[in-house]
Amino acid sequence: MPHTHVSTKAEAIHDALEVFQEVHHHQPDAHEKARLVSDTIKEWEHEQVEEMHAADNAA
């Protein structure tokens, strides 16, 4: 999963859905969407934690 680099979960999910549609040429079904949302949230939260740790280490 690519890094999201956006400020909110909603933006990350929106971007992930757009990328899915571009790559697969269809909208995700319910199962694909659930997996995509879950994976995107995990990645977004992981990035937020990394940013907080980087900021703590820089201080």
Protein backbone atom coordinates (compact mmCIF):
# COMPACT_ATOMS: atom_id res chain seq x y z
CA MET A 1 0.00 0.00 0.00
CA PRO A 2 1.41 3.40 -0.93
CA HIS A 3 1.97 6.02 1.69
CA THR A 4 -1.03 8.25 2.08
CA HIS A 5 0.64 11.56 3.04
CA VAL A 6 -2.70 13.23 3.73
CA SER A 7 -3.90 14.93 6.87
CA THR A 8 -7.12 13.00 7.52
CA LYS A 9 -8.35 9.42 7.36
CA ALA A 10 -11.21 10.54 5.15
CA GLU A 11 -8.80 11.95 2.56
CA ALA A 12 -6.73 8.78 2.66
CA ILE A 13 -9.81 6.61 2.10
CA HIS A 14 -11.07 8.83 -0.70
CA ASP A 15 -7.68 8.68 -2.44
CA ALA A 16 -7.45 4.90 -1.99
CA LEU A 17 -10.90 4.42 -3.54
CA GLU A 18 -9.93 6.59 -6.52
CA VAL A 19 -6.70 4.66 -7.05
CA PHE A 20 -8.56 1.34 -6.82
CA GLN A 21 -11.03 2.46 -9.48
CA GLU A 22 -8.24 3.66 -11.78
CA VAL A 23 -6.26 0.43 -11.42
CA HIS A 24 -9.15 -2.05 -11.57
CA HIS A 25 -11.49 -0.07 -13.87
CA HIS A 26 -14.49 -0.66 -11.61
CA GLN A 27 -15.79 0.44 -8.25
CA PRO A 28 -14.92 -1.92 -5.39
CA ASP A 29 -17.60 -4.31 -4.21
CA ALA A 30 -18.50 -4.38 -0.51
CA HIS A 31 -15.74 -6.83 0.43
CA GLU A 32 -13.07 -5.03 -1.59
CA LYS A 33 -14.15 -1.71 -0.14
CA ALA A 34 -14.07 -3.01 3.44
CA ARG A 35 -10.56 -4.41 2.96
CA LEU A 36 -9.39 -1.24 1.23
CA VAL A 37 -10.78 1.00 3.99
CA SER A 38 -9.26 -1.17 6.71
CA ASP A 39 -5.83 -1.30 5.04
CA THR A 40 -5.88 2.43 4.34
CA ILE A 41 -6.73 3.31 7.94
CA LYS A 42 -3.95 1.04 9.23
CA GLU A 43 -1.42 2.65 6.88
CA TRP A 44 -2.60 6.19 7.70
CA GLU A 45 -2.37 5.53 11.45
CA HIS A 46 1.08 3.96 11.04
CA GLU A 47 2.26 7.08 9.19
CA GLN A 48 0.85 9.32 11.92
CA VAL A 49 2.76 7.38 14.58
CA GLU A 50 5.98 7.60 12.53
CA GLU A 51 5.53 11.37 12.18
CA MET A 52 4.95 11.77 15.93
CA HIS A 53 8.07 9.74 16.73
CA ALA A 54 10.12 11.73 14.23
CA ALA A 55 8.91 14.98 15.78
CA ASP A 56 9.69 13.69 19.30
CA ASN A 57 13.19 12.61 18.24
CA ALA A 58 13.86 15.97 16.58
CA ALA A 59 12.94 17.89 19.72
